[in-house]
């Protein structure tokens, strides 16, 4: 299973390298409007012609959202232009029942800064997790280094983060799905949820080592880790599946603007429970054998 996980991670990284990331308005600048029509959505070509007077919408992308919704993604516009566009659409299609659900406009400078800060936030979280776990589990230094436990947890987190990123690179290439600031929020949520699951397993490993010992007077380290996983398995599965039920409901019924946020969380939370068992724990055993500690 560990090598299966490694293969998935390599495939995800390859997808990012080959396809790249389809960055949204939040990162590259521009505007996005989410509209809903209470009665019937007008023809997309007619909508395009209605707002073609504005340069920002010359090459805009019009994407249907649900039965009567529409996403319009174009260049950066001011609030005054935004209001003029809404009024023009409402006047051109008076019987459609226009309702605006969302509007965002971001300049390229702000988008670049947001991209830099998003990457910094993710790396700061990973570094903080290593330090936290090293301090919390420092009493196990005779059996395994706390820093090794921290690194094992971070490798599992990278696994949980890179696979959804790879999936979104694929979706961006073939289905036009964009990565926005909402996706970064999903990644940070995945990191917190995943490390919580890993720490539960590690904490049970610590308790079993303290109670039973490892080496000549107790079980081998691998047997202790295996027992700890079995003892926490029911808790992990129950927590994961009840959370996934809520996320699947959000994905199906939550609307277009948060659908892919929910999809990222579904993948990440499932992988978080998986990696605690099949990535972080095997790494602990491998490191213990490599260093020859008891």
C-alpha atoms as a PDB file:
ATOM      1  CA  UNK A   1       0.000   0.000   0.000  1.00  0.00           C
ATOM      2  CA  UNK A   2       2.907   2.329   0.717  1.00  0.00           C
ATOM      3  CA  UNK A   3       4.266   1.874  -2.808  1.00  0.00           C
ATOM      4  CA  UNK A   4       0.750   2.262  -4.221  1.00  0.00           C
ATOM      5  CA  UNK A   5       0.569   5.620  -2.432  1.00  0.00           C
ATOM      6  CA  UNK A   6       3.968   6.554  -3.832  1.00  0.00           C
ATOM      7  CA  UNK A   7       2.756   5.734  -7.341  1.00  0.00           C
ATOM      8  CA  UNK A   8      -0.355   7.908  -6.868  1.00  0.00           C
ATOM      9  CA  UNK A   9       1.774  10.820  -5.646  1.00  0.00           C
ATOM     10  CA  UNK A  10       4.157  10.521  -8.609  1.00  0.00           C
ATOM     11  CA  UNK A  11       1.165  10.442 -10.982  1.00  0.00           C
ATOM     12  CA  UNK A  12      -0.269  13.577  -9.312  1.00  0.00           C
ATOM     13  CA  UNK A  13       3.035  15.464  -9.549  1.00  0.00           C
ATOM     14  CA  UNK A  14       3.371  14.392 -13.190  1.00  0.00           C
ATOM     15  CA  UNK A  15      -0.118  15.765 -13.911  1.00  0.00           C
ATOM     16  CA  UNK A  16       0.874  19.125 -12.409  1.00  0.00           C
ATOM     17  CA  UNK A  17       4.115  19.226 -14.433  1.00  0.00           C
ATOM     18  CA  UNK A  18       2.467  18.183 -17.711  1.00  0.00           C
ATOM     19  CA  UNK A  19      -0.825  20.099 -17.480  1.00  0.00           C
ATOM     20  CA  UNK A  20       0.063  22.910 -15.078  1.00  0.00           C
ATOM     21  CA  UNK A  21      -2.459  24.526 -12.778  1.00  0.00           C
ATOM     22  CA  UNK A  22      -5.432  26.409 -14.191  1.00  0.00           C
ATOM     23  CA  UNK A  23      -5.247  29.382 -11.843  1.00  0.00           C
ATOM     24  CA  UNK A  24      -8.425  31.356 -11.308  1.00  0.00           C
ATOM     25  CA  UNK A  25      -9.175  35.037 -10.993  1.00  0.00           C
ATOM     26  CA  UNK A  26      -7.914  35.133  -7.402  1.00  0.00           C
ATOM     27  CA  UNK A  27      -4.347  34.408  -8.546  1.00  0.00           C
ATOM     28  CA  UNK A  28      -4.003  35.844 -12.065  1.00  0.00           C
ATOM     29  CA  UNK A  29      -6.404  38.779 -11.812  1.00  0.00           C
ATOM     30  CA  UNK A  30      -9.744  39.399 -13.518  1.00  0.00           C
ATOM     31  CA  UNK A  31     -13.405  39.256 -12.608  1.00  0.00           C
ATOM     32  CA  UNK A  32     -15.999  36.551 -12.106  1.00  0.00           C
ATOM     33  CA  UNK A  33     -19.781  36.924 -11.890  1.00  0.00           C
ATOM     34  CA  UNK A  34     -22.159  34.170 -10.876  1.00  0.00           C
ATOM     35  CA  UNK A  35     -25.675  34.840 -12.133  1.00  0.00           C
ATOM     36  CA  UNK A  36     -28.943  33.007 -11.712  1.00  0.00           C
ATOM     37  CA  UNK A  37     -32.094  33.381 -13.820  1.00  0.00           C
ATOM     38  CA  UNK A  38     -35.328  32.609 -11.977  1.00  0.00           C
ATOM     39  CA  UNK A  39     -37.326  31.860 -15.112  1.00  0.00           C
ATOM     40  CA  UNK A  40     -35.129  30.692 -17.969  1.00  0.00           C
ATOM     41  CA  UNK A  41     -31.455  31.233 -18.754  1.00  0.00           C
ATOM     42  CA  UNK A  42     -31.008  33.196 -22.016  1.00  0.00           C
ATOM     43  CA  UNK A  43     -28.888  31.785 -24.819  1.00  0.00           C
ATOM     44  CA  UNK A  44     -25.188  32.168 -23.996  1.00  0.00           C
ATOM     45  CA  UNK A  45     -24.374  33.750 -27.375  1.00  0.00           C
ATOM     46  CA  UNK A  46     -27.103  36.350 -26.820  1.00  0.00           C
ATOM     47  CA  UNK A  47     -25.639  37.101 -23.397  1.00  0.00           C
ATOM     48  CA  UNK A  48     -22.178  37.443 -24.890  1.00  0.00           C
ATOM     49  CA  UNK A  49     -23.441  39.948 -27.466  1.00  0.00           C
ATOM     50  CA  UNK A  50     -25.285  41.928 -24.776  1.00  0.00           C
ATOM     51  CA  UNK A  51     -22.059  42.736 -22.886  1.00  0.00           C
ATOM     52  CA  UNK A  52     -19.592  42.738 -25.792  1.00  0.00           C
ATOM     53  CA  UNK A  53     -19.336  46.550 -25.571  1.00  0.00           C
ATOM     54  CA  UNK A  54     -16.986  46.185 -22.612  1.00  0.00           C
ATOM     55  CA  UNK A  55     -13.380  45.276 -23.487  1.00  0.00           C
ATOM     56  CA  UNK A  56     -12.997  43.151 -20.348  1.00  0.00           C
ATOM     57  CA  UNK A  57     -15.598  40.729 -21.729  1.00  0.00           C
ATOM     58  CA  UNK A  58     -14.329  40.421 -25.313  1.00  0.00           C
ATOM     59  CA  UNK A  59     -12.740  37.036 -24.545  1.00  0.00           C
ATOM     60  CA  UNK A  60     -14.797  36.205 -21.461  1.00  0.00           C
ATOM     61  CA  UNK A  61     -15.616  32.601 -20.582  1.00  0.00           C
ATOM     62  CA  UNK A  62     -19.322  31.809 -20.146  1.00  0.00           C
ATOM     63  CA  UNK A  63     -19.957  28.591 -18.204  1.00  0.00           C
ATOM     64  CA  UNK A  64     -23.411  27.174 -17.377  1.00  0.00           C
ATOM     65  CA  UNK A  65     -23.898  26.503 -13.660  1.00  0.00           C
ATOM     66  CA  UNK A  66     -26.757  24.179 -12.895  1.00  0.00           C
ATOM     67  CA  UNK A  67     -30.092  24.495 -14.667  1.00  0.00           C
ATOM     68  CA  UNK A  68     -30.456  28.294 -14.689  1.00  0.00           C
ATOM     69  CA  UNK A  69     -27.093  29.584 -13.466  1.00  0.00           C
ATOM     70  CA  UNK A  70     -24.180  31.129 -15.350  1.00  0.00           C
ATOM     71  CA  UNK A  71     -20.534  31.965 -14.543  1.00  0.00           C
ATOM     72  CA  UNK A  72     -18.919  34.826 -16.482  1.00  0.00           C
ATOM     73  CA  UNK A  73     -15.128  35.146 -16.185  1.00  0.00           C
ATOM     74  CA  UNK A  74     -13.411  38.076 -17.834  1.00  0.00           C
ATOM     75  CA  UNK A  75     -10.887  40.842 -17.277  1.00  0.00           C
ATOM     76  CA  UNK A  76     -10.676  43.132 -14.268  1.00  0.00           C
ATOM     77  CA  UNK A  77     -13.537  45.651 -14.032  1.00  0.00           C
ATOM     78  CA  UNK A  78     -14.489  48.423 -11.615  1.00  0.00           C
ATOM     79  CA  UNK A  79     -17.584  48.422  -9.446  1.00  0.00           C
ATOM     80  CA  UNK A  80     -19.187  51.021 -11.729  1.00  0.00           C
ATOM     81  CA  UNK A  81     -18.646  48.806 -14.789  1.00  0.00           C
ATOM     82  CA  UNK A  82     -19.946  45.816 -12.842  1.00  0.00           C
ATOM     83  CA  UNK A  83     -23.209  47.629 -12.124  1.00  0.00           C
ATOM     84  CA  UNK A  84     -23.502  48.744 -15.745  1.00  0.00           C
ATOM     85  CA  UNK A  85     -23.068  45.153 -16.952  1.00  0.00           C
ATOM     86  CA  UNK A  86     -25.762  43.875 -14.570  1.00  0.00           C
ATOM     87  CA  UNK A  87     -28.162  46.608 -15.688  1.00  0.00           C
ATOM     88  CA  UNK A  88     -27.456  45.861 -19.359  1.00  0.00           C
ATOM     89  CA  UNK A  89     -28.186  42.141 -18.917  1.00  0.00           C
ATOM     90  CA  UNK A  90     -31.356  42.863 -16.932  1.00  0.00           C
ATOM     91  CA  UNK A  91     -32.552  45.299 -19.609  1.00  0.00           C
ATOM     92  CA  UNK A  92     -31.721  42.937 -22.477  1.00  0.00           C
ATOM     93  CA  UNK A  93     -33.573  40.003 -20.894  1.00  0.00           C
ATOM     94  CA  UNK A  94     -36.331  41.508 -18.719  1.00  0.00           C
ATOM     95  CA  UNK A  95     -38.346  38.289 -18.442  1.00  0.00           C
ATOM     96  CA  UNK A  96     -35.416  36.081 -17.376  1.00  0.00           C
ATOM     97  CA  UNK A  97     -35.549  37.099 -13.687  1.00  0.00           C
ATOM     98  CA  UNK A  98     -31.863  37.977 -13.237  1.00  0.00           C
ATOM     99  CA  UNK A  99     -30.300  37.491  -9.793  1.00  0.00           C
ATOM    100  CA  UNK A 100     -26.603  38.040  -9.025  1.00  0.00           C
ATOM    101  CA  UNK A 101     -25.147  35.412  -6.677  1.00  0.00           C
ATOM    102  CA  UNK A 102     -21.500  36.454  -6.547  1.00  0.00           C
ATOM    103  CA  UNK A 103     -19.020  38.998  -7.914  1.00  0.00           C
ATOM    104  CA  UNK A 104     -15.232  39.149  -7.514  1.00  0.00           C
ATOM    105  CA  UNK A 105     -12.711  41.393  -9.224  1.00  0.00           C
ATOM    106  CA  UNK A 106      -8.984  41.090  -8.491  1.00  0.00           C
ATOM    107  CA  UNK A 107      -6.048  43.005  -9.976  1.00  0.00           C
ATOM    108  CA  UNK A 108      -2.948  41.118 -11.204  1.00  0.00           C
ATOM    109  CA  UNK A 109      -0.743  42.594  -8.457  1.00  0.00           C
ATOM    110  CA  UNK A 110      -3.115  41.455  -5.707  1.00  0.00           C
ATOM    111  CA  UNK A 111      -3.429  38.046  -7.379  1.00  0.00           C
ATOM    112  CA  UNK A 112       0.343  37.581  -7.453  1.00  0.00           C
ATOM    113  CA  UNK A 113       0.630  38.568  -3.793  1.00  0.00           C
ATOM    114  CA  UNK A 114      -2.171  36.174  -2.849  1.00  0.00           C
ATOM    115  CA  UNK A 115      -0.399  33.333  -4.684  1.00  0.00           C
ATOM    116  CA  UNK A 116       2.848  34.017  -2.816  1.00  0.00           C
ATOM    117  CA  UNK A 117       1.127  34.244   0.558  1.00  0.00           C
ATOM    118  CA  UNK A 118      -0.856  31.051  -0.083  1.00  0.00           C
ATOM    119  CA  UNK A 119       2.323  29.049  -0.746  1.00  0.00           C
ATOM    120  CA  UNK A 120       3.990  30.618   2.319  1.00  0.00           C
ATOM    121  CA  UNK A 121       1.004  29.733   4.515  1.00  0.00           C
ATOM    122  CA  UNK A 122       1.116  26.070   3.447  1.00  0.00           C
ATOM    123  CA  UNK A 123       4.853  25.725   4.099  1.00  0.00           C
ATOM    124  CA  UNK A 124       4.582  27.503   7.465  1.00  0.00           C
ATOM    125  CA  UNK A 125       1.848  25.069   8.504  1.00  0.00           C
ATOM    126  CA  UNK A 126       4.008  22.082   7.519  1.00  0.00           C
ATOM    127  CA  UNK A 127       7.022  23.432   9.427  1.00  0.00           C
ATOM    128  CA  UNK A 128       4.904  24.152  12.516  1.00  0.00           C
ATOM    129  CA  UNK A 129       3.511  20.604  12.440  1.00  0.00           C
ATOM    130  CA  UNK A 130       7.019  19.086  12.411  1.00  0.00           C
ATOM    131  CA  UNK A 131       8.065  21.171  15.419  1.00  0.00           C
ATOM    132  CA  UNK A 132       4.834  20.465  17.313  1.00  0.00           C
ATOM    133  CA  UNK A 133       5.028  16.686  16.881  1.00  0.00           C
ATOM    134  CA  UNK A 134       8.754  16.633  17.713  1.00  0.00           C
ATOM    135  CA  UNK A 135       8.040  18.409  21.024  1.00  0.00           C
ATOM    136  CA  UNK A 136       4.941  16.403  21.940  1.00  0.00           C
ATOM    137  CA  UNK A 137       6.576  13.004  21.306  1.00  0.00           C
ATOM    138  CA  UNK A 138      10.060  13.823  22.555  1.00  0.00           C
ATOM    139  CA  UNK A 139       9.775  11.245  25.390  1.00  0.00           C
ATOM    140  CA  UNK A 140       9.927   8.421  22.830  1.00  0.00           C
ATOM    141  CA  UNK A 141      13.445   9.374  21.748  1.00  0.00           C
ATOM    142  CA  UNK A 142      14.880   6.020  22.903  1.00  0.00           C
ATOM    143  CA  UNK A 143      12.532   4.195  20.525  1.00  0.00           C
ATOM    144  CA  UNK A 144      12.099   6.699  17.702  1.00  0.00           C
ATOM    145  CA  UNK A 145      13.003  10.337  17.231  1.00  0.00           C
ATOM    146  CA  UNK A 146      10.234  12.907  17.638  1.00  0.00           C
ATOM    147  CA  UNK A 147      11.626  14.663  14.576  1.00  0.00           C
ATOM    148  CA  UNK A 148      11.230  11.427  12.598  1.00  0.00           C
ATOM    149  CA  UNK A 149       7.579  11.287  13.693  1.00  0.00           C
ATOM    150  CA  UNK A 150       7.111  14.882  12.602  1.00  0.00           C
ATOM    151  CA  UNK A 151       8.664  14.214   9.209  1.00  0.00           C
ATOM    152  CA  UNK A 152       6.556  11.066   8.755  1.00  0.00           C
ATOM    153  CA  UNK A 153       3.424  13.114   9.469  1.00  0.00           C
ATOM    154  CA  UNK A 154       4.485  15.812   6.978  1.00  0.00           C
ATOM    155  CA  UNK A 155       5.224  13.239   4.261  1.00  0.00           C
ATOM    156  CA  UNK A 156       1.692  11.900   4.802  1.00  0.00           C
ATOM    157  CA  UNK A 157       0.350  15.475   4.586  1.00  0.00           C
ATOM    158  CA  UNK A 158       2.201  16.097   1.326  1.00  0.00           C
ATOM    159  CA  UNK A 159       0.629  12.897   0.003  1.00  0.00           C
ATOM    160  CA  UNK A 160      -2.830  14.153   1.043  1.00  0.00           C
ATOM    161  CA  UNK A 161      -2.195  17.565  -0.534  1.00  0.00           C
ATOM    162  CA  UNK A 162      -0.432  16.615  -3.779  1.00  0.00           C
ATOM    163  CA  UNK A 163      -2.981  14.057  -4.979  1.00  0.00           C
ATOM    164  CA  UNK A 164      -5.927  16.543  -4.951  1.00  0.00           C
ATOM    165  CA  UNK A 165      -3.684  19.128  -6.632  1.00  0.00           C
ATOM    166  CA  UNK A 166      -2.874  16.584  -9.343  1.00  0.00           C
ATOM    167  CA  UNK A 167      -6.561  15.762  -9.789  1.00  0.00           C
ATOM    168  CA  UNK A 168      -7.368  19.472 -10.134  1.00  0.00           C
ATOM    169  CA  UNK A 169      -4.567  19.873 -12.695  1.00  0.00           C
ATOM    170  CA  UNK A 170      -6.277  17.134 -14.727  1.00  0.00           C
ATOM    171  CA  UNK A 171      -9.729  18.712 -14.258  1.00  0.00           C
ATOM    172  CA  UNK A 172      -8.342  22.111 -15.219  1.00  0.00           C
ATOM    173  CA  UNK A 173      -6.857  20.729 -18.434  1.00  0.00           C
ATOM    174  CA  UNK A 174      -9.929  18.835 -19.624  1.00  0.00           C
ATOM    175  CA  UNK A 175     -12.886  20.492 -17.856  1.00  0.00           C
ATOM    176  CA  UNK A 176     -11.701  24.049 -17.235  1.00  0.00           C
ATOM    177  CA  UNK A 177     -11.828  23.772 -13.426  1.00  0.00           C
ATOM    178  CA  UNK A 178      -9.884  26.634 -11.855  1.00  0.00           C
ATOM    179  CA  UNK A 179      -7.842  26.801  -8.668  1.00  0.00           C
ATOM    180  CA  UNK A 180      -8.869  29.755  -6.516  1.00  0.00           C
ATOM    181  CA  UNK A 181      -8.336  31.004  -2.989  1.00  0.00           C
ATOM    182  CA  UNK A 182     -11.158  28.671  -1.951  1.00  0.00           C
ATOM    183  CA  UNK A 183      -8.987  25.726  -3.018  1.00  0.00           C
ATOM    184  CA  UNK A 184      -6.158  27.011  -0.791  1.00  0.00           C
ATOM    185  CA  UNK A 185      -8.623  27.137   2.109  1.00  0.00           C
ATOM    186  CA  UNK A 186      -9.545  23.524   1.319  1.00  0.00           C
ATOM    187  CA  UNK A 187      -5.860  22.494   1.336  1.00  0.00           C
ATOM    188  CA  UNK A 188      -5.265  24.127   4.730  1.00  0.00           C
ATOM    189  CA  UNK A 189      -8.377  22.405   6.081  1.00  0.00           C
ATOM    190  CA  UNK A 190      -7.097  19.072   4.743  1.00  0.00           C
ATOM    191  CA  UNK A 191      -3.741  19.610   6.479  1.00  0.00           C
ATOM    192  CA  UNK A 192      -5.410  20.252   9.827  1.00  0.00           C
ATOM    193  CA  UNK A 193      -7.795  17.322   9.527  1.00  0.00           C
ATOM    194  CA  UNK A 194      -5.158  14.894   8.293  1.00  0.00           C
ATOM    195  CA  UNK A 195      -2.581  15.697  10.943  1.00  0.00           C
ATOM    196  CA  UNK A 196      -5.248  15.251  13.614  1.00  0.00           C
ATOM    197  CA  UNK A 197      -5.848  11.693  12.411  1.00  0.00           C
ATOM    198  CA  UNK A 198      -2.109  10.965  12.291  1.00  0.00           C
ATOM    199  CA  UNK A 199      -1.510  12.354  15.775  1.00  0.00           C
ATOM    200  CA  UNK A 200      -4.263  10.088  17.161  1.00  0.00           C
ATOM    201  CA  UNK A 201      -2.402   7.027  15.814  1.00  0.00           C
ATOM    202  CA  UNK A 202       0.980   8.323  17.022  1.00  0.00           C
ATOM    203  CA  UNK A 203      -0.433   9.047  20.470  1.00  0.00           C
ATOM    204  CA  UNK A 204      -1.739   5.487  20.754  1.00  0.00           C
ATOM    205  CA  UNK A 205       1.725   4.245  19.720  1.00  0.00           C
ATOM    206  CA  UNK A 206       3.202   6.306  22.552  1.00  0.00           C
ATOM    207  CA  UNK A 207       0.724   4.936  25.098  1.00  0.00           C
ATOM    208  CA  UNK A 208       1.391   1.334  24.068  1.00  0.00           C
ATOM    209  CA  UNK A 209       5.160   1.814  24.218  1.00  0.00           C
ATOM    210  CA  UNK A 210       4.930   3.317  27.696  1.00  0.00           C
ATOM    211  CA  UNK A 211       2.630   0.532  28.945  1.00  0.00           C
ATOM    212  CA  UNK A 212       4.194  -2.487  27.247  1.00  0.00           C
ATOM    213  CA  UNK A 213       7.704  -1.488  26.277  1.00  0.00           C
ATOM    214  CA  UNK A 214       9.533  -2.317  23.067  1.00  0.00           C
ATOM    215  CA  UNK A 215      12.404  -4.715  22.515  1.00  0.00           C
ATOM    216  CA  UNK A 216      13.516  -7.604  24.655  1.00  0.00           C
ATOM    217  CA  UNK A 217      10.891  -7.013  27.351  1.00  0.00           C
ATOM    218  CA  UNK A 218       8.020  -6.194  25.009  1.00  0.00           C
ATOM    219  CA  UNK A 219       6.757  -6.458  21.468  1.00  0.00           C
ATOM    220  CA  UNK A 220       8.675  -5.275  18.423  1.00  0.00           C
ATOM    221  CA  UNK A 221       8.082  -1.701  17.286  1.00  0.00           C
ATOM    222  CA  UNK A 222       6.243  -2.858  14.156  1.00  0.00           C
ATOM    223  CA  UNK A 223       3.841  -4.957  16.238  1.00  0.00           C
ATOM    224  CA  UNK A 224       3.156  -1.991  18.534  1.00  0.00           C
ATOM    225  CA  UNK A 225       2.366   0.286  15.577  1.00  0.00           C
ATOM    226  CA  UNK A 226       0.114  -2.390  14.064  1.00  0.00           C
ATOM    227  CA  UNK A 227      -1.789  -2.805  17.339  1.00  0.00           C
ATOM    228  CA  UNK A 228      -2.133   0.981  17.703  1.00  0.00           C
ATOM    229  CA  UNK A 229      -3.640   1.289  14.222  1.00  0.00           C
ATOM    230  CA  UNK A 230      -6.198  -1.430  14.967  1.00  0.00           C
ATOM    231  CA  UNK A 231      -7.140   0.264  18.257  1.00  0.00           C
ATOM    232  CA  UNK A 232      -7.794   3.605  16.538  1.00  0.00           C
ATOM    233  CA  UNK A 233      -9.238   2.240  13.297  1.00  0.00           C
ATOM    234  CA  UNK A 234     -12.913   2.326  14.312  1.00  0.00           C
ATOM    235  CA  UNK A 235     -12.614   5.919  15.525  1.00  0.00           C
ATOM    236  CA  UNK A 236     -10.885   7.000  12.290  1.00  0.00           C
ATOM    237  CA  UNK A 237     -13.430   5.309  10.038  1.00  0.00           C
ATOM    238  CA  UNK A 238     -16.441   6.654  11.935  1.00  0.00           C
ATOM    239  CA  UNK A 239     -15.099  10.211  11.958  1.00  0.00           C
ATOM    240  CA  UNK A 240     -14.084  10.098   8.306  1.00  0.00           C
ATOM    241  CA  UNK A 241     -17.307   8.641   6.919  1.00  0.00           C
ATOM    242  CA  UNK A 242     -19.620  10.932   8.919  1.00  0.00           C
ATOM    243  CA  UNK A 243     -17.625  13.937   7.689  1.00  0.00           C
ATOM    244  CA  UNK A 244     -17.728  12.649   4.115  1.00  0.00           C
ATOM    245  CA  UNK A 245     -21.533  12.380   4.287  1.00  0.00           C
ATOM    246  CA  UNK A 246     -21.749  16.117   4.976  1.00  0.00           C
ATOM    247  CA  UNK A 247     -19.242  16.964   2.252  1.00  0.00           C
ATOM    248  CA  UNK A 248     -21.003  14.838  -0.355  1.00  0.00           C
ATOM    249  CA  UNK A 249     -24.248  16.674   0.478  1.00  0.00           C
ATOM    250  CA  UNK A 250     -22.455  20.020   0.022  1.00  0.00           C
ATOM    251  CA  UNK A 251     -20.969  18.827  -3.274  1.00  0.00           C
ATOM    252  CA  UNK A 252     -24.342  17.707  -4.625  1.00  0.00           C
ATOM    253  CA  UNK A 253     -26.575  20.502  -3.317  1.00  0.00           C
ATOM    254  CA  UNK A 254     -24.301  23.376  -2.223  1.00  0.00           C
ATOM    255  CA  UNK A 255     -24.177  25.279  -5.510  1.00  0.00           C
ATOM    256  CA  UNK A 256     -21.569  25.812  -8.201  1.00  0.00           C
ATOM    257  CA  UNK A 257     -19.382  28.273  -6.276  1.00  0.00           C
ATOM    258  CA  UNK A 258     -18.430  25.782  -3.519  1.00  0.00           C
ATOM    259  CA  UNK A 259     -18.762  22.493  -5.440  1.00  0.00           C
ATOM    260  CA  UNK A 260     -15.075  22.061  -6.122  1.00  0.00           C
ATOM    261  CA  UNK A 261     -14.178  23.219  -2.605  1.00  0.00           C
ATOM    262  CA  UNK A 262     -16.252  20.291  -1.358  1.00  0.00           C
ATOM    263  CA  UNK A 263     -14.632  17.957  -3.917  1.00  0.00           C
ATOM    264  CA  UNK A 264     -11.140  18.904  -2.708  1.00  0.00           C
ATOM    265  CA  UNK A 265     -12.192  18.264   0.903  1.00  0.00           C
ATOM    266  CA  UNK A 266     -13.759  14.902   0.009  1.00  0.00           C
ATOM    267  CA  UNK A 267     -10.503  13.726  -1.540  1.00  0.00           C
ATOM    268  CA  UNK A 268      -8.291  15.215   1.159  1.00  0.00           C
ATOM    269  CA  UNK A 269     -10.206  13.904   4.162  1.00  0.00           C
ATOM    270  CA  UNK A 270     -10.446  10.406   2.697  1.00  0.00           C
ATOM    271  CA  UNK A 271      -6.705  10.497   1.971  1.00  0.00           C
ATOM    272  CA  UNK A 272      -6.023  11.827   5.478  1.00  0.00           C
ATOM    273  CA  UNK A 273      -7.485   8.711   7.094  1.00  0.00           C
ATOM    274  CA  UNK A 274      -5.784   6.511   4.499  1.00  0.00           C
ATOM    275  CA  UNK A 275      -2.319   8.079   4.871  1.00  0.00           C
ATOM    276  CA  UNK A 276      -2.315   7.810   8.672  1.00  0.00           C
ATOM    277  CA  UNK A 277      -2.430   4.028   8.252  1.00  0.00           C
ATOM    278  CA  UNK A 278      -0.628   3.375   4.977  1.00  0.00           C
ATOM    279  CA  UNK A 279       1.930   6.198   4.751  1.00  0.00           C
ATOM    280  CA  UNK A 280       2.854   7.715   8.130  1.00  0.00           C
ATOM    281  CA  UNK A 281       2.884   4.447  10.098  1.00  0.00           C
ATOM    282  CA  UNK A 282       5.021   2.442   7.619  1.00  0.00           C
ATOM    283  CA  UNK A 283       7.491   5.348   7.554  1.00  0.00           C
ATOM    284  CA  UNK A 284       7.822   5.140  11.345  1.00  0.00           C
ATOM    285  CA  UNK A 285       8.613   1.423  11.181  1.00  0.00           C
ATOM    286  CA  UNK A 286      11.067   1.926   8.316  1.00  0.00           C
ATOM    287  CA  UNK A 287      12.882   4.671  10.245  1.00  0.00           C
ATOM    288  CA  UNK A 288      12.987   2.585  13.413  1.00  0.00           C
ATOM    289  CA  UNK A 289      14.580  -0.334  11.550  1.00  0.00           C
ATOM    290  CA  UNK A 290      16.996   1.958   9.727  1.00  0.00           C
ATOM    291  CA  UNK A 291      18.289   3.522  12.936  1.00  0.00           C
ATOM    292  CA  UNK A 292      18.327   0.202  14.822  1.00  0.00           C
ATOM    293  CA  UNK A 293      16.492   1.618  17.883  1.00  0.00           C
ATOM    294  CA  UNK A 294      14.478  -0.590  20.214  1.00  0.00           C
END
